[in-house]
Amino acid sequence: MGYRALELVISSAKDLTNVNSTTTMKPYVEVSICDSQNKDLTPVQKSLHSERGSNPTWNFQVKLYIDVAKAKENSLALVVKLMSYRISHLKPNKEIGEVRVPIVELLDGFGEAEANAVAEKHVTKDALGSDGKTQGTLNFSYKVGRTEEYPPAGYASLEPSGTVGSFFKALGEEITAALISVGVSFGVSQAVDSALNRADDEGENASEAGFGQLVKEL
């Protein structure tokens, strides 16, 4: 069925719960399209953090591409995670809440019209915490483009697993083919194969470590 462009402006949030114990929050957002297993199908796009505490403004522009067939199966969702940025590297950034909107809901009302020909829609959604309680509200606007047979050149997507390990595995396969094509030594080829096997057996962390070691060996 093709692909449709989803153009978003994540504008602001209001009355966010302060998840920091002593300091003012510096919220930012992470935006992606996820499947029914909550795995990212597009690269996660992150805004800069805001200095405005519980009422941040971003006007963060995002463009994603929707697989129409999967969307009509109601298996895709737009996911916007609201995060609290922490300056200290000793503490990870903390999630404030999440907004999840079925893609099929966003498609309703746009038909096959060009995005530029249809007024953008403005939406306000509750951000929910891990306990299901409202953590504030998120404001955004969006447009949906016409259906294209293929995603545009340069369109980036993740494999269904949505892991960094999958990326390194695919990259390694390309490196192996390139090395073989130029007649590289058997020992180096073995190193590449070993890294690929670790990616298969142990997943994301192993694949990153394996390729880090491979770079040193090369």
C-alpha atoms as a PDB file:
ATOM      1  CA  MET A   1       0.000   0.000   0.000  1.00  0.00           C
ATOM      2  CA  GLY A   2       2.980   2.331   0.172  1.00  0.00           C
ATOM      3  CA  TYR A   3       4.181   4.987   2.573  1.00  0.00           C
ATOM      4  CA  ARG A   4       2.910   8.360   3.767  1.00  0.00           C
ATOM      5  CA  ALA A   5       4.911  11.182   5.302  1.00  0.00           C
ATOM      6  CA  LEU A   6       3.909  12.252   8.802  1.00  0.00           C
ATOM      7  CA  GLU A   7       5.034  15.809   9.550  1.00  0.00           C
ATOM      8  CA  LEU A   8       4.901  16.773  13.219  1.00  0.00           C
ATOM      9  CA  VAL A   9       5.584  19.843  15.296  1.00  0.00           C
ATOM     10  CA  ILE A  10       5.933  18.923  18.974  1.00  0.00           C
ATOM     11  CA  SER A  11       5.132  22.361  20.307  1.00  0.00           C
ATOM     12  CA  SER A  12       4.872  22.314  24.103  1.00  0.00           C
ATOM     13  CA  ALA A  13       3.770  20.601  27.288  1.00  0.00           C
ATOM     14  CA  LYS A  14       1.887  21.852  30.309  1.00  0.00           C
ATOM     15  CA  ASP A  15       1.775  21.002  34.007  1.00  0.00           C
ATOM     16  CA  LEU A  16       4.353  18.217  33.824  1.00  0.00           C
ATOM     17  CA  THR A  17       5.001  16.425  37.090  1.00  0.00           C
ATOM     18  CA  ASN A  18       8.471  17.263  38.397  1.00  0.00           C
ATOM     19  CA  VAL A  19      10.287  13.943  38.561  1.00  0.00           C
ATOM     20  CA  ASN A  20      13.448  15.564  39.956  1.00  0.00           C
ATOM     21  CA  SER A  21      13.744  15.536  43.726  1.00  0.00           C
ATOM     22  CA  THR A  22      15.467  18.903  44.226  1.00  0.00           C
ATOM     23  CA  THR A  23      16.076  20.640  40.885  1.00  0.00           C
ATOM     24  CA  THR A  24      13.966  22.222  38.153  1.00  0.00           C
ATOM     25  CA  MET A  25      13.360  19.901  35.222  1.00  0.00           C
ATOM     26  CA  LYS A  26      14.833  20.418  31.764  1.00  0.00           C
ATOM     27  CA  PRO A  27      12.353  18.428  29.663  1.00  0.00           C
ATOM     28  CA  TYR A  28      12.915  17.151  26.140  1.00  0.00           C
ATOM     29  CA  VAL A  29      11.069  14.691  23.900  1.00  0.00           C
ATOM     30  CA  GLU A  30      11.933  11.472  22.084  1.00  0.00           C
ATOM     31  CA  VAL A  31       9.751  10.724  19.048  1.00  0.00           C
ATOM     32  CA  SER A  32       9.369   7.500  17.054  1.00  0.00           C
ATOM     33  CA  ILE A  33       6.894   5.080  15.499  1.00  0.00           C
ATOM     34  CA  CYS A  34       6.559   1.781  17.366  1.00  0.00           C
ATOM     35  CA  ASP A  35       4.929  -1.547  16.563  1.00  0.00           C
ATOM     36  CA  SER A  36       2.519  -3.537  18.723  1.00  0.00           C
ATOM     37  CA  GLN A  37       5.498  -5.009  20.614  1.00  0.00           C
ATOM     38  CA  ASN A  38       6.666  -1.485  21.530  1.00  0.00           C
ATOM     39  CA  LYS A  39       9.761  -1.765  19.332  1.00  0.00           C
ATOM     40  CA  ASP A  40      10.955   1.272  17.396  1.00  0.00           C
ATOM     41  CA  LEU A  41      10.385   1.029  13.647  1.00  0.00           C
ATOM     42  CA  THR A  42      11.966   4.414  12.967  1.00  0.00           C
ATOM     43  CA  PRO A  43      15.066   6.042  14.447  1.00  0.00           C
ATOM     44  CA  VAL A  44      14.258   7.903  17.665  1.00  0.00           C
ATOM     45  CA  GLN A  45      14.414  11.674  17.135  1.00  0.00           C
ATOM     46  CA  LYS A  46      15.283  13.831  20.149  1.00  0.00           C
ATOM     47  CA  SER A  47      14.628  17.517  20.766  1.00  0.00           C
ATOM     48  CA  LEU A  48      16.887  19.881  22.661  1.00  0.00           C
ATOM     49  CA  HIS A  49      15.968  20.201  26.319  1.00  0.00           C
ATOM     50  CA  SER A  50      13.941  23.173  27.534  1.00  0.00           C
ATOM     51  CA  GLU A  51      14.774  25.342  30.534  1.00  0.00           C
ATOM     52  CA  ARG A  52      11.157  25.962  31.445  1.00  0.00           C
ATOM     53  CA  GLY A  53      10.473  23.285  34.024  1.00  0.00           C
ATOM     54  CA  SER A  54       6.932  21.920  34.026  1.00  0.00           C
ATOM     55  CA  ASN A  55       5.734  24.065  31.098  1.00  0.00           C
ATOM     56  CA  PRO A  56       8.337  23.591  28.347  1.00  0.00           C
ATOM     57  CA  THR A  57       8.200  24.833  24.748  1.00  0.00           C
ATOM     58  CA  TRP A  58      10.107  23.106  21.926  1.00  0.00           C
ATOM     59  CA  ASN A  59       8.441  23.637  18.519  1.00  0.00           C
ATOM     60  CA  PHE A  60      10.372  20.524  17.517  1.00  0.00           C
ATOM     61  CA  GLN A  61       9.829  19.521  13.872  1.00  0.00           C
ATOM     62  CA  VAL A  62       9.847  15.832  13.018  1.00  0.00           C
ATOM     63  CA  LYS A  63       9.224  13.976   9.755  1.00  0.00           C
ATOM     64  CA  LEU A  64       8.528  10.245   9.842  1.00  0.00           C
ATOM     65  CA  TYR A  65       7.221   7.797   7.245  1.00  0.00           C
ATOM     66  CA  ILE A  66       4.252   5.515   7.811  1.00  0.00           C
ATOM     67  CA  ASP A  67       3.908   2.016   6.377  1.00  0.00           C
ATOM     68  CA  VAL A  68       0.240   2.309   5.360  1.00  0.00           C
ATOM     69  CA  ALA A  69      -0.473  -1.433   5.342  1.00  0.00           C
ATOM     70  CA  LYS A  70       0.795  -1.864   8.907  1.00  0.00           C
ATOM     71  CA  ALA A  71      -1.031   1.269  10.016  1.00  0.00           C
ATOM     72  CA  LYS A  72      -4.356  -0.078   8.738  1.00  0.00           C
ATOM     73  CA  GLU A  73      -3.777  -3.231  10.770  1.00  0.00           C
ATOM     74  CA  ASN A  74      -3.742  -0.887  13.780  1.00  0.00           C
ATOM     75  CA  SER A  75      -0.304  -2.200  14.722  1.00  0.00           C
ATOM     76  CA  LEU A  76       1.583   1.124  14.668  1.00  0.00           C
ATOM     77  CA  ALA A  77       1.652   3.995  17.135  1.00  0.00           C
ATOM     78  CA  LEU A  78       3.269   7.405  17.365  1.00  0.00           C
ATOM     79  CA  VAL A  79       5.193   7.450  20.641  1.00  0.00           C
ATOM     80  CA  VAL A  80       6.395  10.661  22.266  1.00  0.00           C
ATOM     81  CA  LYS A  81       8.386  10.171  25.455  1.00  0.00           C
ATOM     82  CA  LEU A  82       8.795  13.192  27.701  1.00  0.00           C
ATOM     83  CA  MET A  83      12.154  13.034  29.431  1.00  0.00           C
ATOM     84  CA  SER A  84      13.940  15.032  32.123  1.00  0.00           C
ATOM     85  CA  TYR A  85      17.516  15.900  31.128  1.00  0.00           C
ATOM     86  CA  ARG A  86      20.172  15.507  33.823  1.00  0.00           C
ATOM     87  CA  ILE A  87      23.505  17.277  33.634  1.00  0.00           C
ATOM     88  CA  SER A  88      25.296  14.692  35.748  1.00  0.00           C
ATOM     89  CA  HIS A  89      26.596  11.703  33.804  1.00  0.00           C
ATOM     90  CA  LEU A  90      26.232   9.661  36.989  1.00  0.00           C
ATOM     91  CA  LYS A  91      22.441   9.726  36.716  1.00  0.00           C
ATOM     92  CA  PRO A  92      20.481   8.712  33.605  1.00  0.00           C
ATOM     93  CA  ASN A  93      17.845  10.990  32.116  1.00  0.00           C
ATOM     94  CA  LYS A  94      14.495  10.245  33.699  1.00  0.00           C
ATOM     95  CA  GLU A  95      11.181   9.578  31.964  1.00  0.00           C
ATOM     96  CA  ILE A  96       8.344  11.932  32.915  1.00  0.00           C
ATOM     97  CA  GLY A  97       5.583  10.315  30.905  1.00  0.00           C
ATOM     98  CA  GLU A  98       4.579   9.049  27.498  1.00  0.00           C
ATOM     99  CA  VAL A  99       2.033   9.907  24.828  1.00  0.00           C
ATOM    100  CA  ARG A 100       0.970   7.061  22.547  1.00  0.00           C
ATOM    101  CA  VAL A 101      -1.360   7.670  19.586  1.00  0.00           C
ATOM    102  CA  PRO A 102      -2.454   4.958  17.109  1.00  0.00           C
ATOM    103  CA  ILE A 103      -1.222   5.903  13.631  1.00  0.00           C
ATOM    104  CA  VAL A 104      -4.590   4.948  12.157  1.00  0.00           C
ATOM    105  CA  GLU A 105      -6.119   7.690  14.317  1.00  0.00           C
ATOM    106  CA  LEU A 106      -3.759  10.254  12.801  1.00  0.00           C
ATOM    107  CA  LEU A 107      -4.539   9.076   9.269  1.00  0.00           C
ATOM    108  CA  ASP A 108      -8.286   9.567   9.705  1.00  0.00           C
ATOM    109  CA  GLY A 109      -9.542  12.705   8.014  1.00  0.00           C
ATOM    110  CA  PHE A 110      -6.634  13.249   5.634  1.00  0.00           C
ATOM    111  CA  GLY A 111      -7.608  10.933   2.783  1.00  0.00           C
ATOM    112  CA  GLU A 112      -5.112  11.074  -0.078  1.00  0.00           C
ATOM    113  CA  ALA A 113      -4.647  14.857  -0.033  1.00  0.00           C
ATOM    114  CA  GLU A 114      -1.235  16.473  -0.205  1.00  0.00           C
ATOM    115  CA  ALA A 115       0.022  17.595   3.201  1.00  0.00           C
ATOM    116  CA  ASN A 116       0.392  21.182   1.962  1.00  0.00           C
ATOM    117  CA  ALA A 117      -3.228  21.253   0.788  1.00  0.00           C
ATOM    118  CA  VAL A 118      -4.725  20.316   4.156  1.00  0.00           C
ATOM    119  CA  ALA A 119      -4.663  22.467   7.251  1.00  0.00           C
ATOM    120  CA  GLU A 120      -2.567  20.945   9.994  1.00  0.00           C
ATOM    121  CA  LYS A 121      -4.402  19.355  12.881  1.00  0.00           C
ATOM    122  CA  HIS A 122      -3.705  20.433  16.460  1.00  0.00           C
ATOM    123  CA  VAL A 123      -3.824  17.817  19.187  1.00  0.00           C
ATOM    124  CA  THR A 124      -3.559  17.806  22.971  1.00  0.00           C
ATOM    125  CA  LYS A 125      -2.921  14.470  24.690  1.00  0.00           C
ATOM    126  CA  ASP A 126      -2.340  13.381  28.269  1.00  0.00           C
ATOM    127  CA  ALA A 127       1.150  12.144  29.082  1.00  0.00           C
ATOM    128  CA  LEU A 128       0.894   8.999  31.186  1.00  0.00           C
ATOM    129  CA  GLY A 129       3.425   7.727  33.696  1.00  0.00           C
ATOM    130  CA  SER A 130       4.378   4.083  34.189  1.00  0.00           C
ATOM    131  CA  ASP A 131       1.577   3.832  36.753  1.00  0.00           C
ATOM    132  CA  GLY A 132      -1.008   5.025  34.220  1.00  0.00           C
ATOM    133  CA  LYS A 133      -1.530   8.366  35.952  1.00  0.00           C
ATOM    134  CA  THR A 134      -1.544  11.655  34.062  1.00  0.00           C
ATOM    135  CA  GLN A 135       1.796  13.475  34.278  1.00  0.00           C
ATOM    136  CA  GLY A 136       0.733  16.557  32.307  1.00  0.00           C
ATOM    137  CA  THR A 137      -0.365  17.303  28.740  1.00  0.00           C
ATOM    138  CA  LEU A 138       1.452  17.432  25.393  1.00  0.00           C
ATOM    139  CA  ASN A 139       0.530  19.769  22.526  1.00  0.00           C
ATOM    140  CA  PHE A 140       1.476  18.982  18.935  1.00  0.00           C
ATOM    141  CA  SER A 141       0.308  19.493  15.366  1.00  0.00           C
ATOM    142  CA  TYR A 142       0.639  17.234  12.345  1.00  0.00           C
ATOM    143  CA  LYS A 143       0.020  16.717   8.634  1.00  0.00           C
ATOM    144  CA  VAL A 144      -0.068  13.557   6.552  1.00  0.00           C
ATOM    145  CA  GLY A 145       1.194  13.464   2.952  1.00  0.00           C
ATOM    146  CA  ARG A 146      -0.099  11.490  -0.017  1.00  0.00           C
ATOM    147  CA  THR A 147       0.695   7.806  -0.481  1.00  0.00           C
ATOM    148  CA  GLU A 148       3.988   6.987  -2.198  1.00  0.00           C
ATOM    149  CA  GLU A 149       4.862   3.556  -3.539  1.00  0.00           C
ATOM    150  CA  TYR A 150       8.276   3.602  -1.894  1.00  0.00           C
ATOM    151  CA  PRO A 151       9.788   5.674   0.906  1.00  0.00           C
ATOM    152  CA  PRO A 152      11.970   8.513  -0.424  1.00  0.00           C
ATOM    153  CA  ALA A 153      15.693   8.076  -1.024  1.00  0.00           C
ATOM    154  CA  GLY A 154      17.656   8.224   2.209  1.00  0.00           C
ATOM    155  CA  TYR A 155      14.694   7.069   4.311  1.00  0.00           C
ATOM    156  CA  ALA A 156      16.068   5.381   7.418  1.00  0.00           C
ATOM    157  CA  SER A 157      14.229   2.688   9.323  1.00  0.00           C
ATOM    158  CA  LEU A 158      15.143  -0.005  11.811  1.00  0.00           C
ATOM    159  CA  GLU A 159      14.649  -3.721  11.347  1.00  0.00           C
ATOM    160  CA  PRO A 160      11.610  -5.156  13.220  1.00  0.00           C
ATOM    161  CA  SER A 161      13.812  -5.968  16.215  1.00  0.00           C
ATOM    162  CA  GLY A 162      14.516  -2.262  16.598  1.00  0.00           C
ATOM    163  CA  THR A 163      17.915  -2.903  18.195  1.00  0.00           C
ATOM    164  CA  VAL A 164      21.313  -1.371  17.708  1.00  0.00           C
ATOM    165  CA  GLY A 165      22.569  -4.929  17.422  1.00  0.00           C
ATOM    166  CA  SER A 166      20.609  -5.388  14.184  1.00  0.00           C
ATOM    167  CA  PHE A 167      22.275  -2.289  12.769  1.00  0.00           C
ATOM    168  CA  PHE A 168      25.770  -3.542  13.592  1.00  0.00           C
ATOM    169  CA  LYS A 169      24.948  -6.967  12.193  1.00  0.00           C
ATOM    170  CA  ALA A 170      23.859  -5.489   8.858  1.00  0.00           C
ATOM    171  CA  LEU A 171      26.897  -3.214   8.818  1.00  0.00           C
ATOM    172  CA  GLY A 172      29.179  -6.151   9.485  1.00  0.00           C
ATOM    173  CA  GLU A 173      27.720  -8.135   6.604  1.00  0.00           C
ATOM    174  CA  GLU A 174      28.499  -5.233   4.277  1.00  0.00           C
ATOM    175  CA  ILE A 175      32.052  -4.974   5.648  1.00  0.00           C
ATOM    176  CA  THR A 176      32.602  -8.706   5.155  1.00  0.00           C
ATOM    177  CA  ALA A 177      31.484  -8.529   1.520  1.00  0.00           C
ATOM    178  CA  ALA A 178      33.754  -5.543   0.896  1.00  0.00           C
ATOM    179  CA  LEU A 179      36.762  -7.238   2.490  1.00  0.00           C
ATOM    180  CA  ILE A 180      36.271 -10.387   0.454  1.00  0.00           C
ATOM    181  CA  SER A 181      35.937  -8.377  -2.756  1.00  0.00           C
ATOM    182  CA  VAL A 182      39.414  -6.871  -2.288  1.00  0.00           C
ATOM    183  CA  GLY A 183      41.028 -10.141  -1.235  1.00  0.00           C
ATOM    184  CA  VAL A 184      41.681  -9.240   2.394  1.00  0.00           C
ATOM    185  CA  SER A 185      43.497 -11.732   4.600  1.00  0.00           C
ATOM    186  CA  PHE A 186      41.662 -14.741   5.987  1.00  0.00           C
ATOM    187  CA  GLY A 187      42.442 -13.672   9.560  1.00  0.00           C
ATOM    188  CA  VAL A 188      40.618 -10.354   9.228  1.00  0.00           C
ATOM    189  CA  SER A 189      37.640 -12.075   7.604  1.00  0.00           C
ATOM    190  CA  GLN A 190      37.504 -14.416  10.576  1.00  0.00           C
ATOM    191  CA  ALA A 191      37.461 -11.433  12.953  1.00  0.00           C
ATOM    192  CA  VAL A 192      34.458 -10.001  11.131  1.00  0.00           C
ATOM    193  CA  ASP A 193      32.645 -13.337  11.210  1.00  0.00           C
ATOM    194  CA  SER A 194      33.333 -13.638  14.938  1.00  0.00           C
ATOM    195  CA  ALA A 195      31.819 -10.212  15.593  1.00  0.00           C
ATOM    196  CA  LEU A 196      28.741 -11.148  13.559  1.00  0.00           C
ATOM    197  CA  ASN A 197      28.290 -14.347  15.536  1.00  0.00           C
ATOM    198  CA  ARG A 198      28.430 -12.423  18.808  1.00  0.00           C
ATOM    199  CA  ALA A 199      25.765 -10.071  17.456  1.00  0.00           C
ATOM    200  CA  ASP A 200      23.547 -13.064  16.689  1.00  0.00           C
ATOM    201  CA  ASP A 201      24.150 -14.877  19.972  1.00  0.00           C
ATOM    202  CA  GLU A 202      24.191 -12.081  22.519  1.00  0.00           C
ATOM    203  CA  GLY A 203      22.435  -9.089  20.985  1.00  0.00           C
ATOM    204  CA  GLU A 204      22.998  -5.355  21.189  1.00  0.00           C
ATOM    205  CA  ASN A 205      25.723  -5.009  23.822  1.00  0.00           C
ATOM    206  CA  ALA A 206      27.837  -7.809  22.412  1.00  0.00           C
ATOM    207  CA  SER A 207      27.597  -6.502  18.860  1.00  0.00           C
ATOM    208  CA  GLU A 208      28.756  -3.041  19.894  1.00  0.00           C
ATOM    209  CA  ALA A 209      31.649  -4.446  21.912  1.00  0.00           C
ATOM    210  CA  GLY A 210      32.555  -6.879  19.151  1.00  0.00           C
ATOM    211  CA  PHE A 211      32.786  -4.205  16.523  1.00  0.00           C
ATOM    212  CA  GLY A 212      34.719  -1.931  18.855  1.00  0.00           C
ATOM    213  CA  GLN A 213      37.296  -4.693  19.221  1.00  0.00           C
ATOM    214  CA  LEU A 214      37.217  -5.330  15.484  1.00  0.00           C
ATOM    215  CA  VAL A 215      38.081  -1.708  14.749  1.00  0.00           C
ATOM    216  CA  LYS A 216      41.112  -1.988  17.051  1.00  0.00           C
ATOM    217  CA  GLU A 217      42.256  -5.168  15.324  1.00  0.00           C
ATOM    218  CA  LEU A 218      41.963  -3.618  11.871  1.00  0.00           C
END
